[in-house]
């Protein structure tokens, strides 16, 4: 239960988090705002949360000791100070509509000067700048995004998308089923949601009906993330299961119900908007 709870609830926010890498690449790919994708993920996310709550917590004793008010206040201050750089970036980008890279820059500057020390300011500033460029920037992420966009351009210009579309249609399988199966398998096998999102969007977007493109993209995104969630290559799953000495079969058994509920919510959403 602890493994399932940790794994599910630490990732469920991805569905509505505008700075999540797969949502960023999907919005860039579709040339639409992040909210145009996120708005279709709310129903799916809530369906998963509701089912997960009843499945994960039904046998857990809720009588826990209250934290001291002093500890709560201290931890709250630490949380808001730590979250401040992200909050500033979100407010500037989404609220004030400032150019996204510029909003991120302001967030980075806030992170560097956040909790500014009283002593050794120059040395600590140098250490933070060094850490920013050594650990803070995910250079492989930049390469993945660049590779996905190149892959998208090649697919569009080669005509392979139309050929693939004809082949998929010739099998007579429902598009919804193909999206779910390929999305889940891609996330599960690779354990990398970002690359799977970019590649499958390039293949499937031309196949999605014009009126319900948003719900279909949401279902594809959901399938990929859920496959990634339970992938044995996903370090969050591997390390949590090892830490709690959990049986993966039982973990999968608990996760089956909220995952199924989320997929079902995605299908219902497509039917409603069709």
C-alpha atoms as a PDB file:
ATOM      1  CA  UNK A   1       0.000   0.000   0.000  1.00  0.00           C
ATOM      2  CA  UNK A   2       2.800   2.425   0.871  1.00  0.00           C
ATOM      3  CA  UNK A   3       4.484   1.784  -2.478  1.00  0.00           C
ATOM      4  CA  UNK A   4       1.251   2.263  -4.422  1.00  0.00           C
ATOM      5  CA  UNK A   5       0.356   5.412  -2.478  1.00  0.00           C
ATOM      6  CA  UNK A   6       3.786   6.982  -2.936  1.00  0.00           C
ATOM      7  CA  UNK A   7       3.988   6.094  -6.619  1.00  0.00           C
ATOM      8  CA  UNK A   8       0.484   7.220  -7.550  1.00  0.00           C
ATOM      9  CA  UNK A   9       0.131  10.451  -5.600  1.00  0.00           C
ATOM     10  CA  UNK A  10       3.618  11.754  -6.333  1.00  0.00           C
ATOM     11  CA  UNK A  11       2.843  11.599 -10.078  1.00  0.00           C
ATOM     12  CA  UNK A  12      -0.865  12.446 -10.330  1.00  0.00           C
ATOM     13  CA  UNK A  13      -0.093  16.171 -10.410  1.00  0.00           C
ATOM     14  CA  UNK A  14       1.672  15.717 -13.744  1.00  0.00           C
ATOM     15  CA  UNK A  15      -1.699  15.771 -15.468  1.00  0.00           C
ATOM     16  CA  UNK A  16      -2.376  19.428 -14.604  1.00  0.00           C
ATOM     17  CA  UNK A  17       1.145  20.788 -14.064  1.00  0.00           C
ATOM     18  CA  UNK A  18       1.932  23.284 -16.875  1.00  0.00           C
ATOM     19  CA  UNK A  19       5.702  22.927 -16.368  1.00  0.00           C
ATOM     20  CA  UNK A  20       5.659  19.142 -16.801  1.00  0.00           C
ATOM     21  CA  UNK A  21       8.018  18.326 -19.678  1.00  0.00           C
ATOM     22  CA  UNK A  22       5.583  16.146 -21.661  1.00  0.00           C
ATOM     23  CA  UNK A  23       2.859  18.807 -21.462  1.00  0.00           C
ATOM     24  CA  UNK A  24       5.347  21.440 -22.625  1.00  0.00           C
ATOM     25  CA  UNK A  25       6.420  19.362 -25.621  1.00  0.00           C
ATOM     26  CA  UNK A  26       2.795  18.460 -26.435  1.00  0.00           C
ATOM     27  CA  UNK A  27       1.731  22.119 -26.364  1.00  0.00           C
ATOM     28  CA  UNK A  28       4.753  23.058 -28.518  1.00  0.00           C
ATOM     29  CA  UNK A  29       4.002  20.232 -30.918  1.00  0.00           C
ATOM     30  CA  UNK A  30       0.333  21.236 -31.259  1.00  0.00           C
ATOM     31  CA  UNK A  31       1.184  24.962 -31.189  1.00  0.00           C
ATOM     32  CA  UNK A  32      -1.384  25.476 -28.440  1.00  0.00           C
ATOM     33  CA  UNK A  33      -1.255  26.608 -24.826  1.00  0.00           C
ATOM     34  CA  UNK A  34      -0.570  24.134 -22.028  1.00  0.00           C
ATOM     35  CA  UNK A  35      -4.047  24.821 -20.635  1.00  0.00           C
ATOM     36  CA  UNK A  36      -5.648  23.569 -23.867  1.00  0.00           C
ATOM     37  CA  UNK A  37      -4.254  20.133 -22.923  1.00  0.00           C
ATOM     38  CA  UNK A  38      -4.581  20.384 -19.154  1.00  0.00           C
ATOM     39  CA  UNK A  39      -8.303  21.210 -19.221  1.00  0.00           C
ATOM     40  CA  UNK A  40      -9.055  17.746 -20.605  1.00  0.00           C
ATOM     41  CA  UNK A  41      -6.872  16.097 -17.968  1.00  0.00           C
ATOM     42  CA  UNK A  42      -8.829  17.332 -14.945  1.00  0.00           C
ATOM     43  CA  UNK A  43     -11.614  14.755 -15.217  1.00  0.00           C
ATOM     44  CA  UNK A  44      -9.081  11.950 -15.710  1.00  0.00           C
ATOM     45  CA  UNK A  45      -7.010  13.097 -12.739  1.00  0.00           C
ATOM     46  CA  UNK A  46     -10.001  13.374 -10.390  1.00  0.00           C
ATOM     47  CA  UNK A  47     -11.281   9.945 -11.435  1.00  0.00           C
ATOM     48  CA  UNK A  48      -7.901   8.462 -10.516  1.00  0.00           C
ATOM     49  CA  UNK A  49      -7.700  10.316  -7.182  1.00  0.00           C
ATOM     50  CA  UNK A  50     -11.184   9.256  -6.064  1.00  0.00           C
ATOM     51  CA  UNK A  51     -10.709   5.585  -6.913  1.00  0.00           C
ATOM     52  CA  UNK A  52      -7.156   5.539  -5.525  1.00  0.00           C
ATOM     53  CA  UNK A  53      -8.316   6.998  -2.222  1.00  0.00           C
ATOM     54  CA  UNK A  54     -10.874   4.256  -1.632  1.00  0.00           C
ATOM     55  CA  UNK A  55      -8.557   1.481  -2.858  1.00  0.00           C
ATOM     56  CA  UNK A  56      -5.382   2.576  -1.062  1.00  0.00           C
ATOM     57  CA  UNK A  57      -6.724   3.895   2.239  1.00  0.00           C
ATOM     58  CA  UNK A  58      -9.709   1.669   2.998  1.00  0.00           C
ATOM     59  CA  UNK A  59      -7.788  -0.460   5.549  1.00  0.00           C
ATOM     60  CA  UNK A  60      -5.507   2.218   6.980  1.00  0.00           C
ATOM     61  CA  UNK A  61      -5.950   3.568  10.502  1.00  0.00           C
ATOM     62  CA  UNK A  62      -6.430   7.334  10.232  1.00  0.00           C
ATOM     63  CA  UNK A  63      -5.845   8.020  13.943  1.00  0.00           C
ATOM     64  CA  UNK A  64      -2.466   9.726  13.690  1.00  0.00           C
ATOM     65  CA  UNK A  65      -0.843  12.081  16.143  1.00  0.00           C
ATOM     66  CA  UNK A  66      -1.121  15.770  15.398  1.00  0.00           C
ATOM     67  CA  UNK A  67       2.013  17.707  14.688  1.00  0.00           C
ATOM     68  CA  UNK A  68       2.906  20.497  17.059  1.00  0.00           C
ATOM     69  CA  UNK A  69       1.725  23.905  15.825  1.00  0.00           C
ATOM     70  CA  UNK A  70       5.313  25.185  15.935  1.00  0.00           C
ATOM     71  CA  UNK A  71       6.519  22.407  13.658  1.00  0.00           C
ATOM     72  CA  UNK A  72       3.625  22.991  11.275  1.00  0.00           C
ATOM     73  CA  UNK A  73       4.368  26.712  11.031  1.00  0.00           C
ATOM     74  CA  UNK A  74       8.069  26.072  10.516  1.00  0.00           C
ATOM     75  CA  UNK A  75       7.469  23.452   7.812  1.00  0.00           C
ATOM     76  CA  UNK A  76       4.920  25.701   6.087  1.00  0.00           C
ATOM     77  CA  UNK A  77       7.450  28.533   5.884  1.00  0.00           C
ATOM     78  CA  UNK A  78      10.080  26.161   4.476  1.00  0.00           C
ATOM     79  CA  UNK A  79       7.612  24.900   1.880  1.00  0.00           C
ATOM     80  CA  UNK A  80       6.605  28.363   0.647  1.00  0.00           C
ATOM     81  CA  UNK A  81      10.214  29.544   0.532  1.00  0.00           C
ATOM     82  CA  UNK A  82      11.216  26.465  -1.478  1.00  0.00           C
ATOM     83  CA  UNK A  83       8.206  26.702  -3.817  1.00  0.00           C
ATOM     84  CA  UNK A  84       8.570  30.461  -4.394  1.00  0.00           C
ATOM     85  CA  UNK A  85      10.724  30.229  -7.593  1.00  0.00           C
ATOM     86  CA  UNK A  86       8.238  27.867  -9.259  1.00  0.00           C
ATOM     87  CA  UNK A  87       5.297  29.998  -8.071  1.00  0.00           C
ATOM     88  CA  UNK A  88       6.828  33.155  -9.561  1.00  0.00           C
ATOM     89  CA  UNK A  89       7.444  31.421 -12.908  1.00  0.00           C
ATOM     90  CA  UNK A  90       3.852  30.152 -13.014  1.00  0.00           C
ATOM     91  CA  UNK A  91       2.323  33.521 -12.114  1.00  0.00           C
ATOM     92  CA  UNK A  92       4.408  35.380 -14.694  1.00  0.00           C
ATOM     93  CA  UNK A  93       3.837  32.839 -17.502  1.00  0.00           C
ATOM     94  CA  UNK A  94       0.203  31.901 -16.916  1.00  0.00           C
ATOM     95  CA  UNK A  95      -1.162  34.887 -15.028  1.00  0.00           C
ATOM     96  CA  UNK A  96       0.656  37.830 -16.600  1.00  0.00           C
ATOM     97  CA  UNK A  97       1.281  36.110 -19.977  1.00  0.00           C
ATOM     98  CA  UNK A  98       4.981  36.960 -19.918  1.00  0.00           C
ATOM     99  CA  UNK A  99       7.188  35.201 -22.484  1.00  0.00           C
ATOM    100  CA  UNK A 100       7.703  31.712 -21.032  1.00  0.00           C
ATOM    101  CA  UNK A 101      11.548  31.544 -21.133  1.00  0.00           C
ATOM    102  CA  UNK A 102      11.678  34.990 -19.509  1.00  0.00           C
ATOM    103  CA  UNK A 103       9.297  33.843 -16.752  1.00  0.00           C
ATOM    104  CA  UNK A 104      11.533  30.820 -16.138  1.00  0.00           C
ATOM    105  CA  UNK A 105      14.564  33.125 -15.982  1.00  0.00           C
ATOM    106  CA  UNK A 106      12.913  35.156 -13.217  1.00  0.00           C
ATOM    107  CA  UNK A 107      12.166  31.916 -11.386  1.00  0.00           C
ATOM    108  CA  UNK A 108      15.796  30.800 -11.694  1.00  0.00           C
ATOM    109  CA  UNK A 109      17.060  34.155 -10.383  1.00  0.00           C
ATOM    110  CA  UNK A 110      14.657  33.864  -7.437  1.00  0.00           C
ATOM    111  CA  UNK A 111      15.982  30.370  -6.704  1.00  0.00           C
ATOM    112  CA  UNK A 112      19.583  31.609  -6.729  1.00  0.00           C
ATOM    113  CA  UNK A 113      18.959  34.467  -4.274  1.00  0.00           C
ATOM    114  CA  UNK A 114      16.354  32.586  -2.230  1.00  0.00           C
ATOM    115  CA  UNK A 115      17.198  32.150   1.479  1.00  0.00           C
ATOM    116  CA  UNK A 116      20.173  34.480   1.012  1.00  0.00           C
ATOM    117  CA  UNK A 117      22.860  33.848   3.677  1.00  0.00           C
ATOM    118  CA  UNK A 118      24.229  36.496   6.017  1.00  0.00           C
ATOM    119  CA  UNK A 119      27.840  35.428   5.552  1.00  0.00           C
ATOM    120  CA  UNK A 120      30.062  34.155   2.709  1.00  0.00           C
ATOM    121  CA  UNK A 121      27.639  35.598   0.160  1.00  0.00           C
ATOM    122  CA  UNK A 122      30.114  35.646  -2.739  1.00  0.00           C
ATOM    123  CA  UNK A 123      31.247  32.047  -2.260  1.00  0.00           C
ATOM    124  CA  UNK A 124      27.697  30.746  -1.832  1.00  0.00           C
ATOM    125  CA  UNK A 125      26.588  32.693  -4.924  1.00  0.00           C
ATOM    126  CA  UNK A 126      29.405  31.059  -6.934  1.00  0.00           C
ATOM    127  CA  UNK A 127      28.446  27.624  -5.599  1.00  0.00           C
ATOM    128  CA  UNK A 128      24.806  28.108  -6.595  1.00  0.00           C
ATOM    129  CA  UNK A 129      25.727  29.282 -10.102  1.00  0.00           C
ATOM    130  CA  UNK A 130      28.057  26.291 -10.506  1.00  0.00           C
ATOM    131  CA  UNK A 131      25.361  23.910  -9.280  1.00  0.00           C
ATOM    132  CA  UNK A 132      22.814  25.506 -11.617  1.00  0.00           C
ATOM    133  CA  UNK A 133      24.856  24.774 -14.750  1.00  0.00           C
ATOM    134  CA  UNK A 134      26.213  21.417 -13.543  1.00  0.00           C
ATOM    135  CA  UNK A 135      23.066  19.828 -12.031  1.00  0.00           C
ATOM    136  CA  UNK A 136      20.161  22.221 -12.565  1.00  0.00           C
ATOM    137  CA  UNK A 137      20.071  22.174 -16.366  1.00  0.00           C
ATOM    138  CA  UNK A 138      19.014  18.852 -17.886  1.00  0.00           C
ATOM    139  CA  UNK A 139      21.049  18.907 -21.080  1.00  0.00           C
ATOM    140  CA  UNK A 140      19.767  15.494 -22.166  1.00  0.00           C
ATOM    141  CA  UNK A 141      16.219  16.889 -21.955  1.00  0.00           C
ATOM    142  CA  UNK A 142      17.141  19.613 -24.455  1.00  0.00           C
ATOM    143  CA  UNK A 143      18.516  16.985 -26.818  1.00  0.00           C
ATOM    144  CA  UNK A 144      15.380  14.837 -26.451  1.00  0.00           C
ATOM    145  CA  UNK A 145      13.093  17.776 -27.292  1.00  0.00           C
ATOM    146  CA  UNK A 146      15.292  18.727 -30.256  1.00  0.00           C
ATOM    147  CA  UNK A 147      15.296  15.127 -31.468  1.00  0.00           C
ATOM    148  CA  UNK A 148      11.519  14.812 -31.164  1.00  0.00           C
ATOM    149  CA  UNK A 149      10.929  18.021 -33.140  1.00  0.00           C
ATOM    150  CA  UNK A 150      13.332  16.832 -35.866  1.00  0.00           C
ATOM    151  CA  UNK A 151      11.543  13.466 -35.896  1.00  0.00           C
ATOM    152  CA  UNK A 152       8.208  15.274 -36.256  1.00  0.00           C
ATOM    153  CA  UNK A 153       9.475  17.318 -39.219  1.00  0.00           C
ATOM    154  CA  UNK A 154      10.899  14.235 -40.953  1.00  0.00           C
ATOM    155  CA  UNK A 155       7.625  12.346 -40.515  1.00  0.00           C
ATOM    156  CA  UNK A 156       5.565  15.231 -41.875  1.00  0.00           C
ATOM    157  CA  UNK A 157       7.742  15.672 -44.949  1.00  0.00           C
ATOM    158  CA  UNK A 158       8.266  11.982 -45.712  1.00  0.00           C
ATOM    159  CA  UNK A 159       4.586  11.117 -46.084  1.00  0.00           C
ATOM    160  CA  UNK A 160       4.996   8.110 -43.794  1.00  0.00           C
ATOM    161  CA  UNK A 161       2.245   9.424 -41.507  1.00  0.00           C
ATOM    162  CA  UNK A 162      -0.416   9.084 -44.185  1.00  0.00           C
ATOM    163  CA  UNK A 163       0.849   5.586 -45.026  1.00  0.00           C
ATOM    164  CA  UNK A 164       0.791   4.588 -41.354  1.00  0.00           C
ATOM    165  CA  UNK A 165      -2.690   6.052 -40.997  1.00  0.00           C
ATOM    166  CA  UNK A 166      -3.946   3.939 -43.897  1.00  0.00           C
ATOM    167  CA  UNK A 167      -2.351   0.808 -42.404  1.00  0.00           C
ATOM    168  CA  UNK A 168      -3.917   1.388 -38.983  1.00  0.00           C
ATOM    169  CA  UNK A 169      -7.285   2.042 -40.575  1.00  0.00           C
ATOM    170  CA  UNK A 170      -7.021  -1.142 -42.639  1.00  0.00           C
ATOM    171  CA  UNK A 171      -6.765  -3.241 -39.466  1.00  0.00           C
ATOM    172  CA  UNK A 172     -10.270  -2.141 -38.534  1.00  0.00           C
ATOM    173  CA  UNK A 173      -9.325  -1.497 -34.903  1.00  0.00           C
ATOM    174  CA  UNK A 174     -11.039   1.357 -33.069  1.00  0.00           C
ATOM    175  CA  UNK A 175      -8.778   4.412 -32.870  1.00  0.00           C
ATOM    176  CA  UNK A 176      -9.396   4.691 -29.132  1.00  0.00           C
ATOM    177  CA  UNK A 177      -8.093   1.149 -28.576  1.00  0.00           C
ATOM    178  CA  UNK A 178      -4.989   1.739 -30.697  1.00  0.00           C
ATOM    179  CA  UNK A 179      -4.221   4.970 -28.795  1.00  0.00           C
ATOM    180  CA  UNK A 180      -4.556   3.268 -25.394  1.00  0.00           C
ATOM    181  CA  UNK A 181      -2.535   0.169 -26.271  1.00  0.00           C
ATOM    182  CA  UNK A 182       0.336   1.884 -28.108  1.00  0.00           C
ATOM    183  CA  UNK A 183       0.490   4.718 -25.573  1.00  0.00           C
ATOM    184  CA  UNK A 184       0.644   2.360 -22.598  1.00  0.00           C
ATOM    185  CA  UNK A 185       3.154   0.002 -24.246  1.00  0.00           C
ATOM    186  CA  UNK A 186       5.432   2.896 -25.273  1.00  0.00           C
ATOM    187  CA  UNK A 187       5.475   4.312 -21.746  1.00  0.00           C
ATOM    188  CA  UNK A 188       5.938   0.872 -20.165  1.00  0.00           C
ATOM    189  CA  UNK A 189       8.683  -0.447 -22.443  1.00  0.00           C
ATOM    190  CA  UNK A 190      10.779   2.724 -22.636  1.00  0.00           C
ATOM    191  CA  UNK A 191      10.168   4.097 -19.143  1.00  0.00           C
ATOM    192  CA  UNK A 192      10.544   7.552 -20.772  1.00  0.00           C
ATOM    193  CA  UNK A 193       7.341   9.566 -21.106  1.00  0.00           C
ATOM    194  CA  UNK A 194       8.825  12.527 -22.978  1.00  0.00           C
ATOM    195  CA  UNK A 195      10.121  10.698 -26.042  1.00  0.00           C
ATOM    196  CA  UNK A 196       6.987   8.526 -26.242  1.00  0.00           C
ATOM    197  CA  UNK A 197       4.776  11.624 -26.129  1.00  0.00           C
ATOM    198  CA  UNK A 198       6.587  13.388 -28.943  1.00  0.00           C
ATOM    199  CA  UNK A 199       6.844  10.347 -31.210  1.00  0.00           C
ATOM    200  CA  UNK A 200       3.252   9.152 -30.778  1.00  0.00           C
ATOM    201  CA  UNK A 201       1.818  12.646 -31.171  1.00  0.00           C
ATOM    202  CA  UNK A 202       3.529  12.879 -34.559  1.00  0.00           C
ATOM    203  CA  UNK A 203       1.872   9.615 -35.572  1.00  0.00           C
ATOM    204  CA  UNK A 204      -1.597  10.048 -34.087  1.00  0.00           C
ATOM    205  CA  UNK A 205      -2.479  13.750 -34.332  1.00  0.00           C
ATOM    206  CA  UNK A 206      -3.270  13.531 -38.075  1.00  0.00           C
ATOM    207  CA  UNK A 207      -5.614  10.614 -37.268  1.00  0.00           C
ATOM    208  CA  UNK A 208      -7.598  12.388 -34.567  1.00  0.00           C
ATOM    209  CA  UNK A 209     -11.008  13.783 -35.594  1.00  0.00           C
ATOM    210  CA  UNK A 210     -10.866  17.576 -35.784  1.00  0.00           C
ATOM    211  CA  UNK A 211     -13.656  18.211 -33.275  1.00  0.00           C
ATOM    212  CA  UNK A 212     -12.257  16.024 -30.507  1.00  0.00           C
ATOM    213  CA  UNK A 213      -8.512  16.406 -30.954  1.00  0.00           C
ATOM    214  CA  UNK A 214      -8.110  17.672 -27.360  1.00  0.00           C
ATOM    215  CA  UNK A 215      -9.782  14.676 -25.650  1.00  0.00           C
ATOM    216  CA  UNK A 216      -7.848  12.246 -27.882  1.00  0.00           C
ATOM    217  CA  UNK A 217      -4.527  13.941 -27.047  1.00  0.00           C
ATOM    218  CA  UNK A 218      -5.489  13.743 -23.365  1.00  0.00           C
ATOM    219  CA  UNK A 219      -6.213  10.005 -23.662  1.00  0.00           C
ATOM    220  CA  UNK A 220      -2.888   9.419 -25.437  1.00  0.00           C
ATOM    221  CA  UNK A 221      -1.047  11.437 -22.790  1.00  0.00           C
ATOM    222  CA  UNK A 222      -2.810   9.474 -20.029  1.00  0.00           C
ATOM    223  CA  UNK A 223      -1.956   6.101 -21.572  1.00  0.00           C
ATOM    224  CA  UNK A 224       1.718   7.037 -21.903  1.00  0.00           C
ATOM    225  CA  UNK A 225       2.028   8.383 -18.351  1.00  0.00           C
ATOM    226  CA  UNK A 226       0.249   5.360 -16.847  1.00  0.00           C
ATOM    227  CA  UNK A 227       2.515   2.985 -18.783  1.00  0.00           C
ATOM    228  CA  UNK A 228       5.519   4.973 -17.598  1.00  0.00           C
ATOM    229  CA  UNK A 229       4.136   4.921 -14.036  1.00  0.00           C
ATOM    230  CA  UNK A 230       4.177   1.123 -13.765  1.00  0.00           C
ATOM    231  CA  UNK A 231       7.271   0.526 -15.917  1.00  0.00           C
ATOM    232  CA  UNK A 232      10.014  -1.527 -14.221  1.00  0.00           C
ATOM    233  CA  UNK A 233      12.438   1.007 -15.742  1.00  0.00           C
ATOM    234  CA  UNK A 234      10.773   3.777 -13.749  1.00  0.00           C
ATOM    235  CA  UNK A 235      13.149   4.493 -10.857  1.00  0.00           C
ATOM    236  CA  UNK A 236      10.376   5.817  -8.589  1.00  0.00           C
ATOM    237  CA  UNK A 237       8.698   2.394  -8.737  1.00  0.00           C
ATOM    238  CA  UNK A 238      11.905   0.360  -8.471  1.00  0.00           C
ATOM    239  CA  UNK A 239      13.351   2.322  -5.536  1.00  0.00           C
ATOM    240  CA  UNK A 240      10.065   2.624  -3.616  1.00  0.00           C
ATOM    241  CA  UNK A 241       9.315  -1.085  -3.975  1.00  0.00           C
ATOM    242  CA  UNK A 242      12.832  -1.922  -2.816  1.00  0.00           C
ATOM    243  CA  UNK A 243      12.637   0.499   0.120  1.00  0.00           C
ATOM    244  CA  UNK A 244       9.353  -0.943   1.405  1.00  0.00           C
ATOM    245  CA  UNK A 245      10.238  -4.529   0.373  1.00  0.00           C
ATOM    246  CA  UNK A 246       6.999  -4.594  -1.593  1.00  0.00           C
ATOM    247  CA  UNK A 247       5.648  -7.330  -3.834  1.00  0.00           C
ATOM    248  CA  UNK A 248       5.303  -5.771  -7.299  1.00  0.00           C
ATOM    249  CA  UNK A 249       2.384  -8.059  -8.181  1.00  0.00           C
ATOM    250  CA  UNK A 250       0.402  -6.699  -5.234  1.00  0.00           C
ATOM    251  CA  UNK A 251       1.427  -3.139  -6.093  1.00  0.00           C
ATOM    252  CA  UNK A 252       0.154  -3.642  -9.654  1.00  0.00           C
ATOM    253  CA  UNK A 253      -3.036  -5.133  -8.230  1.00  0.00           C
ATOM    254  CA  UNK A 254      -3.695  -1.962  -6.221  1.00  0.00           C
ATOM    255  CA  UNK A 255      -2.772   0.362  -9.106  1.00  0.00           C
ATOM    256  CA  UNK A 256      -5.011  -1.500 -11.559  1.00  0.00           C
ATOM    257  CA  UNK A 257      -8.220   0.110 -10.298  1.00  0.00           C
ATOM    258  CA  UNK A 258      -7.251   3.816 -10.428  1.00  0.00           C
ATOM    259  CA  UNK A 259      -5.455   3.280 -13.747  1.00  0.00           C
ATOM    260  CA  UNK A 260      -8.544   1.627 -15.225  1.00  0.00           C
ATOM    261  CA  UNK A 261     -10.734   4.444 -13.887  1.00  0.00           C
ATOM    262  CA  UNK A 262      -8.519   7.062 -15.549  1.00  0.00           C
ATOM    263  CA  UNK A 263      -8.543   5.284 -18.909  1.00  0.00           C
ATOM    264  CA  UNK A 264     -12.329   4.901 -18.660  1.00  0.00           C
ATOM    265  CA  UNK A 265     -12.706   8.620 -17.853  1.00  0.00           C
ATOM    266  CA  UNK A 266     -10.647   9.462 -20.918  1.00  0.00           C
ATOM    267  CA  UNK A 267     -12.865   7.302 -23.132  1.00  0.00           C
ATOM    268  CA  UNK A 268     -16.048   8.799 -21.684  1.00  0.00           C
ATOM    269  CA  UNK A 269     -14.675  12.269 -22.334  1.00  0.00           C
ATOM    270  CA  UNK A 270     -14.118  11.476 -26.013  1.00  0.00           C
ATOM    271  CA  UNK A 271     -17.641  10.080 -26.319  1.00  0.00           C
ATOM    272  CA  UNK A 272     -19.161  13.157 -24.669  1.00  0.00           C
ATOM    273  CA  UNK A 273     -17.307  15.624 -26.914  1.00  0.00           C
ATOM    274  CA  UNK A 274     -17.867  13.618 -30.102  1.00  0.00           C
END
